[in-house]
């Protein structure tokens, strides 16, 4: 379902918009192993397989796996 954003030509597709923009923060993500240690030491951001960019600072064991990362990882391993 698309709707106008009021007097502009921009359309927002409500069916494709994420339910919550912060959903990526609720998951553990796959990241290249060689990026993890420099990120931990220097605080540099990493990019997950799903595209999320952030500086890891939480225990990934406490969160479920990102379904997008898992799907991409499984396809790469196949």
PDB file of N, CA and C in Angstrom:
ATOM      1  N   UNK A   1       0.843  -1.174   0.000  1.00  0.00           N
ATOM      2  CA  UNK A   1       0.000   0.000   0.000  1.00  0.00           C
ATOM      3  C   UNK A   1       0.883   1.230   0.000  1.00  0.00           C
ATOM      4  N   UNK A   2       0.701   2.115  -0.960  1.00  0.00           N
ATOM      5  CA  UNK A   2       1.478   3.341  -1.041  1.00  0.00           C
ATOM      6  C   UNK A   2       0.591   4.509  -0.690  1.00  0.00           C
ATOM      7  N   UNK A   3       1.232   5.543  -0.156  1.00  0.00           N
ATOM      8  CA  UNK A   3       0.468   6.744   0.162  1.00  0.00           C
ATOM      9  C   UNK A   3       1.317   7.964  -0.107  1.00  0.00           C
ATOM     10  N   UNK A   4       0.670   9.060  -0.393  1.00  0.00           N
ATOM     11  CA  UNK A   4       1.382  10.305  -0.635  1.00  0.00           C
ATOM     12  C   UNK A   4       1.819  10.890   0.693  1.00  0.00           C
ATOM     13  N   UNK A   5       2.932  11.621   0.684  1.00  0.00           N
ATOM     14  CA  UNK A   5       3.415  12.246   1.906  1.00  0.00           C
ATOM     15  C   UNK A   5       2.970  13.702   1.954  1.00  0.00           C
ATOM     16  N   UNK A   6       1.851  14.007   1.426  1.00  0.00           N
ATOM     17  CA  UNK A   6       1.261  15.328   1.466  1.00  0.00           C
ATOM     18  C   UNK A   6       1.776  16.212   0.359  1.00  0.00           C
ATOM     19  N   UNK A   7       1.381  16.877  -0.472  1.00  0.00           N
ATOM     20  CA  UNK A   7       1.750  17.767  -1.515  1.00  0.00           C
ATOM     21  C   UNK A   7       3.055  17.491  -2.276  1.00  0.00           C
ATOM     22  N   UNK A   8       3.781  16.432  -1.973  1.00  0.00           N
ATOM     23  CA  UNK A   8       5.012  16.144  -2.709  1.00  0.00           C
ATOM     24  C   UNK A   8       4.805  14.974  -3.647  1.00  0.00           C
ATOM     25  N   UNK A   9       5.813  14.699  -4.449  1.00  0.00           N
ATOM     26  CA  UNK A   9       5.749  13.561  -5.358  1.00  0.00           C
ATOM     27  C   UNK A   9       6.339  12.296  -4.734  1.00  0.00           C
ATOM     28  N   UNK A  10       6.738  12.362  -3.485  1.00  0.00           N
ATOM     29  CA  UNK A  10       7.342  11.215  -2.815  1.00  0.00           C
ATOM     30  C   UNK A  10       6.271  10.247  -2.341  1.00  0.00           C
ATOM     31  N   UNK A  11       6.507   8.961  -2.584  1.00  0.00           N
ATOM     32  CA  UNK A  11       5.604   7.926  -2.115  1.00  0.00           C
ATOM     33  C   UNK A  11       6.326   7.049  -1.111  1.00  0.00           C
ATOM     34  N   UNK A  12       5.642   6.612  -0.097  1.00  0.00           N
ATOM     35  CA  UNK A  12       6.178   5.677   0.879  1.00  0.00           C
ATOM     36  C   UNK A  12       5.425   4.378   0.718  1.00  0.00           C
ATOM     37  N   UNK A  13       6.137   3.314   0.464  1.00  0.00           N
ATOM     38  CA  UNK A  13       5.509   1.999   0.316  1.00  0.00           C
ATOM     39  C   UNK A  13       5.465   1.352   1.694  1.00  0.00           C
ATOM     40  N   UNK A  14       4.334   1.376   2.323  1.00  0.00           N
ATOM     41  CA  UNK A  14       4.178   0.861   3.683  1.00  0.00           C
ATOM     42  C   UNK A  14       4.426  -0.645   3.772  1.00  0.00           C
ATOM     43  N   UNK A  15       4.213  -1.377   2.674  1.00  0.00           N
ATOM     44  CA  UNK A  15       4.432  -2.821   2.696  1.00  0.00           C
ATOM     45  C   UNK A  15       5.921  -3.162   2.730  1.00  0.00           C
ATOM     46  N   UNK A  16       6.785  -2.268   2.230  1.00  0.00           N
ATOM     47  CA  UNK A  16       8.210  -2.540   2.182  1.00  0.00           C
ATOM     48  C   UNK A  16       8.984  -1.877   3.317  1.00  0.00           C
ATOM     49  N   UNK A  17       8.390  -0.913   3.990  1.00  0.00           N
ATOM     50  CA  UNK A  17       9.076  -0.226   5.079  1.00  0.00           C
ATOM     51  C   UNK A  17       9.241  -1.174   6.261  1.00  0.00           C
ATOM     52  N   UNK A  18      10.415  -1.158   6.917  1.00  0.00           N
ATOM     53  CA  UNK A  18      10.601  -2.033   8.076  1.00  0.00           C
ATOM     54  C   UNK A  18       9.621  -1.690   9.189  1.00  0.00           C
ATOM     55  N   UNK A  19       9.229  -2.700   9.945  1.00  0.00           N
ATOM     56  CA  UNK A  19       8.284  -2.492  11.044  1.00  0.00           C
ATOM     57  C   UNK A  19       8.887  -1.559  12.079  1.00  0.00           C
ATOM     58  N   UNK A  20      10.161  -1.690  12.312  1.00  0.00           N
ATOM     59  CA  UNK A  20      10.847  -0.865  13.297  1.00  0.00           C
ATOM     60  C   UNK A  20      12.263  -0.640  12.781  1.00  0.00           C
ATOM     61  N   UNK A  21      12.651   0.604  12.499  1.00  0.00           N
ATOM     62  CA  UNK A  21      13.975   0.852  11.950  1.00  0.00           C
ATOM     63  C   UNK A  21      15.112   0.331  12.834  1.00  0.00           C
ATOM     64  N   UNK A  22      14.867   0.105  14.106  1.00  0.00           N
ATOM     65  CA  UNK A  22      15.896  -0.392  15.014  1.00  0.00           C
ATOM     66  C   UNK A  22      15.953  -1.898  15.110  1.00  0.00           C
ATOM     67  N   UNK A  23      15.215  -2.612  14.245  1.00  0.00           N
ATOM     68  CA  UNK A  23      15.189  -4.070  14.322  1.00  0.00           C
ATOM     69  C   UNK A  23      16.573  -4.692  14.200  1.00  0.00           C
ATOM     70  N   UNK A  24      17.483  -4.090  13.410  1.00  0.00           N
ATOM     71  CA  UNK A  24      18.825  -4.646  13.256  1.00  0.00           C
ATOM     72  C   UNK A  24      19.584  -4.655  14.580  1.00  0.00           C
ATOM     73  N   UNK A  25      19.219  -3.778  15.498  1.00  0.00           N
ATOM     74  CA  UNK A  25      19.899  -3.718  16.788  1.00  0.00           C
ATOM     75  C   UNK A  25      19.490  -4.855  17.714  1.00  0.00           C
ATOM     76  N   UNK A  26      18.492  -5.598  17.352  1.00  0.00           N
ATOM     77  CA  UNK A  26      17.989  -6.677  18.195  1.00  0.00           C
ATOM     78  C   UNK A  26      18.544  -8.042  17.795  1.00  0.00           C
ATOM     79  N   UNK A  27      19.499  -8.055  16.879  1.00  0.00           N
ATOM     80  CA  UNK A  27      20.051  -9.300  16.362  1.00  0.00           C
ATOM     81  C   UNK A  27      21.566  -9.326  16.471  1.00  0.00           C
ATOM     82  N   UNK A  28      22.111 -10.537  16.452  1.00  0.00           N
ATOM     83  CA  UNK A  28      23.541 -10.740  16.229  1.00  0.00           C
ATOM     84  C   UNK A  28      23.726 -10.819  14.722  1.00  0.00           C
ATOM     85  N   UNK A  29      24.879 -10.345  14.242  1.00  0.00           N
ATOM     86  CA  UNK A  29      25.116 -10.287  12.806  1.00  0.00           C
ATOM     87  C   UNK A  29      26.409 -11.000  12.444  1.00  0.00           C
ATOM     88  N   UNK A  30      26.473 -11.505  11.205  1.00  0.00           N
ATOM     89  CA  UNK A  30      27.702 -12.082  10.676  1.00  0.00           C
ATOM     90  C   UNK A  30      28.590 -10.948  10.174  1.00  0.00           C
ATOM     91  N   UNK A  31      29.861 -10.987  10.600  1.00  0.00           N
ATOM     92  CA  UNK A  31      30.865  -9.998  10.204  1.00  0.00           C
ATOM     93  C   UNK A  31      32.130 -10.768   9.847  1.00  0.00           C
ATOM     94  N   UNK A  32      32.937 -10.244   8.927  1.00  0.00           N
ATOM     95  CA  UNK A  32      34.214 -10.883   8.604  1.00  0.00           C
ATOM     96  C   UNK A  32      35.066 -10.970   9.868  1.00  0.00           C
ATOM     97  N   UNK A  33      35.654 -12.143  10.100  1.00  0.00           N
ATOM     98  CA  UNK A  33      36.452 -12.367  11.315  1.00  0.00           C
ATOM     99  C   UNK A  33      37.598 -11.373  11.445  1.00  0.00           C
ATOM    100  N   UNK A  34      38.232 -11.028  10.346  1.00  0.00           N
ATOM    101  CA  UNK A  34      39.381 -10.123  10.424  1.00  0.00           C
ATOM    102  C   UNK A  34      38.989  -8.680  10.745  1.00  0.00           C
ATOM    103  N   UNK A  35      37.704  -8.363  10.794  1.00  0.00           N
ATOM    104  CA  UNK A  35      37.245  -7.020  11.154  1.00  0.00           C
ATOM    105  C   UNK A  35      36.877  -6.910  12.633  1.00  0.00           C
ATOM    106  N   UNK A  36      36.684  -8.048  13.293  1.00  0.00           N
ATOM    107  CA  UNK A  36      36.197  -8.025  14.671  1.00  0.00           C
ATOM    108  C   UNK A  36      37.229  -7.461  15.635  1.00  0.00           C
ATOM    109  N   UNK A  37      38.462  -7.960  15.590  1.00  0.00           N
ATOM    110  CA  UNK A  37      39.483  -7.512  16.542  1.00  0.00           C
ATOM    111  C   UNK A  37      39.825  -6.030  16.373  1.00  0.00           C
ATOM    112  N   UNK A  38      40.078  -5.539  15.142  1.00  0.00           N
ATOM    113  CA  UNK A  38      40.341  -4.093  15.007  1.00  0.00           C
ATOM    114  C   UNK A  38      39.179  -3.237  15.508  1.00  0.00           C
ATOM    115  N   UNK A  39      37.962  -3.713  15.304  1.00  0.00           N
ATOM    116  CA  UNK A  39      36.807  -2.962  15.793  1.00  0.00           C
ATOM    117  C   UNK A  39      36.812  -2.898  17.314  1.00  0.00           C
ATOM    118  N   UNK A  40      37.130  -4.029  17.946  1.00  0.00           N
ATOM    119  CA  UNK A  40      37.156  -4.076  19.412  1.00  0.00           C
ATOM    120  C   UNK A  40      38.270  -3.188  19.971  1.00  0.00           C
ATOM    121  N   UNK A  41      39.408  -3.151  19.304  1.00  0.00           N
ATOM    122  CA  UNK A  41      40.554  -2.378  19.797  1.00  0.00           C
ATOM    123  C   UNK A  41      40.414  -0.892  19.482  1.00  0.00           C
ATOM    124  N   UNK A  42      40.070  -0.586  18.240  1.00  0.00           N
ATOM    125  CA  UNK A  42      40.059   0.806  17.775  1.00  0.00           C
ATOM    126  C   UNK A  42      38.687   1.459  17.775  1.00  0.00           C
ATOM    127  N   UNK A  43      37.629   0.663  17.955  1.00  0.00           N
ATOM    128  CA  UNK A  43      36.281   1.218  17.909  1.00  0.00           C
ATOM    129  C   UNK A  43      35.836   1.560  16.505  1.00  0.00           C
ATOM    130  N   UNK A  44      36.430   0.901  15.507  1.00  0.00           N
ATOM    131  CA  UNK A  44      36.043   1.169  14.120  1.00  0.00           C
ATOM    132  C   UNK A  44      34.781   0.388  13.762  1.00  0.00           C
ATOM    133  N   UNK A  45      33.933   0.954  12.941  1.00  0.00           N
ATOM    134  CA  UNK A  45      32.696   0.261  12.547  1.00  0.00           C
ATOM    135  C   UNK A  45      32.979  -0.949  11.664  1.00  0.00           C
ATOM    136  N   UNK A  46      32.061  -1.896  11.703  1.00  0.00           N
ATOM    137  CA  UNK A  46      32.104  -3.081  10.854  1.00  0.00           C
ATOM    138  C   UNK A  46      30.824  -3.117  10.032  1.00  0.00           C
ATOM    139  N   UNK A  47      30.859  -3.902   8.925  1.00  0.00           N
ATOM    140  CA  UNK A  47      29.666  -4.058   8.094  1.00  0.00           C
ATOM    141  C   UNK A  47      29.244  -5.519   8.140  1.00  0.00           C
ATOM    142  N   UNK A  48      27.996  -5.751   8.521  1.00  0.00           N
ATOM    143  CA  UNK A  48      27.444  -7.100   8.557  1.00  0.00           C
ATOM    144  C   UNK A  48      27.072  -7.533   7.144  1.00  0.00           C
ATOM    145  N   UNK A  49      26.868  -8.829   6.968  1.00  0.00           N
ATOM    146  CA  UNK A  49      26.455  -9.338   5.658  1.00  0.00           C
ATOM    147  C   UNK A  49      25.173  -8.680   5.174  1.00  0.00           C
ATOM    148  N   UNK A  50      24.280  -8.332   6.101  1.00  0.00           N
ATOM    149  CA  UNK A  50      23.003  -7.724   5.731  1.00  0.00           C
ATOM    150  C   UNK A  50      23.133  -6.237   5.398  1.00  0.00           C
ATOM    151  N   UNK A  51      24.321  -5.662   5.639  1.00  0.00           N
ATOM    152  CA  UNK A  51      24.539  -4.254   5.323  1.00  0.00           C
ATOM    153  C   UNK A  51      24.575  -3.333   6.522  1.00  0.00           C
ATOM    154  N   UNK A  52      24.193  -3.811   7.693  1.00  0.00           N
ATOM    155  CA  UNK A  52      24.221  -2.965   8.894  1.00  0.00           C
ATOM    156  C   UNK A  52      25.655  -2.569   9.194  1.00  0.00           C
ATOM    157  N   UNK A  53      25.885  -1.290   9.482  1.00  0.00           N
ATOM    158  CA  UNK A  53      27.193  -0.780   9.859  1.00  0.00           C
ATOM    159  C   UNK A  53      27.084  -0.258  11.286  1.00  0.00           C
ATOM    160  N   UNK A  54      27.978  -0.728  12.154  1.00  0.00           N
ATOM    161  CA  UNK A  54      27.954  -0.317  13.552  1.00  0.00           C
ATOM    162  C   UNK A  54      29.256  -0.714  14.224  1.00  0.00           C
ATOM    163  N   UNK A  55      29.457  -0.203  15.439  1.00  0.00           N
ATOM    164  CA  UNK A  55      30.589  -0.603  16.262  1.00  0.00           C
ATOM    165  C   UNK A  55      30.047  -1.596  17.284  1.00  0.00           C
ATOM    166  N   UNK A  56      30.432  -2.870  17.172  1.00  0.00           N
ATOM    167  CA  UNK A  56      29.921  -3.884  18.106  1.00  0.00           C
ATOM    168  C   UNK A  56      30.340  -3.552  19.538  1.00  0.00           C
ATOM    169  N   UNK A  57      29.371  -3.624  20.437  1.00  0.00           N
ATOM    170  CA  UNK A  57      29.681  -3.378  21.842  1.00  0.00           C
ATOM    171  C   UNK A  57      28.809  -4.220  22.774  1.00  0.00           C
ATOM    172  N   UNK A  58      28.129  -5.202  22.236  1.00  0.00           N
ATOM    173  CA  UNK A  58      27.270  -6.071  23.038  1.00  0.00           C
ATOM    174  C   UNK A  58      27.657  -7.522  22.823  1.00  0.00           C
ATOM    175  N   UNK A  59      27.307  -8.357  23.765  1.00  0.00           N
ATOM    176  CA  UNK A  59      27.575  -9.784  23.664  1.00  0.00           C
ATOM    177  C   UNK A  59      26.626 -10.395  22.635  1.00  0.00           C
ATOM    178  N   UNK A  60      27.129 -10.878  21.494  1.00  0.00           N
ATOM    179  CA  UNK A  60      26.252 -11.413  20.457  1.00  0.00           C
ATOM    180  C   UNK A  60      25.513 -12.678  20.891  1.00  0.00           C
ATOM    181  N   UNK A  61      26.003 -13.346  21.922  1.00  0.00           N
ATOM    182  CA  UNK A  61      25.343 -14.561  22.406  1.00  0.00           C
ATOM    183  C   UNK A  61      23.973 -14.266  23.026  1.00  0.00           C
ATOM    184  N   UNK A  62      23.720 -13.014  23.373  1.00  0.00           N
ATOM    185  CA  UNK A  62      22.467 -12.638  24.040  1.00  0.00           C
ATOM    186  C   UNK A  62      21.339 -12.301  23.064  1.00  0.00           C
ATOM    187  N   UNK A  63      21.627 -12.356  21.757  1.00  0.00           N
ATOM    188  CA  UNK A  63      20.640 -11.948  20.763  1.00  0.00           C
ATOM    189  C   UNK A  63      20.451 -13.041  19.722  1.00  0.00           C
ATOM    190  N   UNK A  64      19.274 -13.137  19.128  1.00  0.00           N
ATOM    191  CA  UNK A  64      19.064 -14.111  18.046  1.00  0.00           C
ATOM    192  C   UNK A  64      19.818 -13.666  16.789  1.00  0.00           C
ATOM    193  N   UNK A  65      20.096 -14.619  15.922  1.00  0.00           N
ATOM    194  CA  UNK A  65      20.815 -14.331  14.681  1.00  0.00           C
ATOM    195  C   UNK A  65      19.932 -13.538  13.721  1.00  0.00           C
ATOM    196  N   UNK A  66      20.526 -12.559  13.083  1.00  0.00           N
ATOM    197  CA  UNK A  66      19.835 -11.761  12.068  1.00  0.00           C
ATOM    198  C   UNK A  66      19.399 -12.694  10.933  1.00  0.00           C
ATOM    199  N   UNK A  67      18.120 -12.741  10.603  1.00  0.00           N
ATOM    200  CA  UNK A  67      17.666 -13.644   9.540  1.00  0.00           C
ATOM    201  C   UNK A  67      18.265 -13.302   8.175  1.00  0.00           C
ATOM    202  N   UNK A  68      18.500 -12.025   7.898  1.00  0.00           N
ATOM    203  CA  UNK A  68      19.103 -11.643   6.613  1.00  0.00           C
ATOM    204  C   UNK A  68      20.549 -12.116   6.538  1.00  0.00           C
ATOM    205  N   UNK A  69      21.310 -11.911   7.612  1.00  0.00           N
ATOM    206  CA  UNK A  69      22.702 -12.375   7.641  1.00  0.00           C
ATOM    207  C   UNK A  69      22.760 -13.888   7.490  1.00  0.00           C
ATOM    208  N   UNK A  70      21.891 -14.592   8.195  1.00  0.00           N
ATOM    209  CA  UNK A  70      21.891 -16.053   8.144  1.00  0.00           C
ATOM    210  C   UNK A  70      21.594 -16.548   6.739  1.00  0.00           C
ATOM    211  N   UNK A  71      20.616 -15.942   6.087  1.00  0.00           N
ATOM    212  CA  UNK A  71      20.255 -16.339   4.726  1.00  0.00           C
ATOM    213  C   UNK A  71      21.431 -16.126   3.767  1.00  0.00           C
ATOM    214  N   UNK A  72      22.100 -14.984   3.882  1.00  0.00           N
ATOM    215  CA  UNK A  72      23.240 -14.687   3.024  1.00  0.00           C
ATOM    216  C   UNK A  72      24.386 -15.644   3.325  1.00  0.00           C
ATOM    217  N   UNK A  73      24.668 -15.867   4.599  1.00  0.00           N
ATOM    218  CA  UNK A  73      25.744 -16.775   5.006  1.00  0.00           C
ATOM    219  C   UNK A  73      25.497 -18.183   4.481  1.00  0.00           C
ATOM    220  N   UNK A  74      24.279 -18.682   4.670  1.00  0.00           N
ATOM    221  CA  UNK A  74      23.934 -20.029   4.185  1.00  0.00           C
ATOM    222  C   UNK A  74      24.102 -20.135   2.680  1.00  0.00           C
ATOM    223  N   UNK A  75      23.729 -19.099   1.944  1.00  0.00           N
ATOM    224  CA  UNK A  75      23.871 -19.116   0.487  1.00  0.00           C
ATOM    225  C   UNK A  75      25.356 -19.116   0.088  1.00  0.00           C
ATOM    226  N   UNK A  76      26.188 -18.382   0.834  1.00  0.00           N
ATOM    227  CA  UNK A  76      27.615 -18.351   0.543  1.00  0.00           C
ATOM    228  C   UNK A  76      28.279 -19.702   0.837  1.00  0.00           C
ATOM    229  N   UNK A  77      27.790 -20.397   1.850  1.00  0.00           N
ATOM    230  CA  UNK A  77      28.374 -21.660   2.254  1.00  0.00           C
ATOM    231  C   UNK A  77      27.897 -22.835   1.392  1.00  0.00           C
ATOM    232  N   UNK A  78      26.816 -22.626   0.649  1.00  0.00           N
ATOM    233  CA  UNK A  78      26.243 -23.704  -0.188  1.00  0.00           C
ATOM    234  C   UNK A  78      27.089 -23.977  -1.406  1.00  0.00           C
TER     235      UNK A  78
END
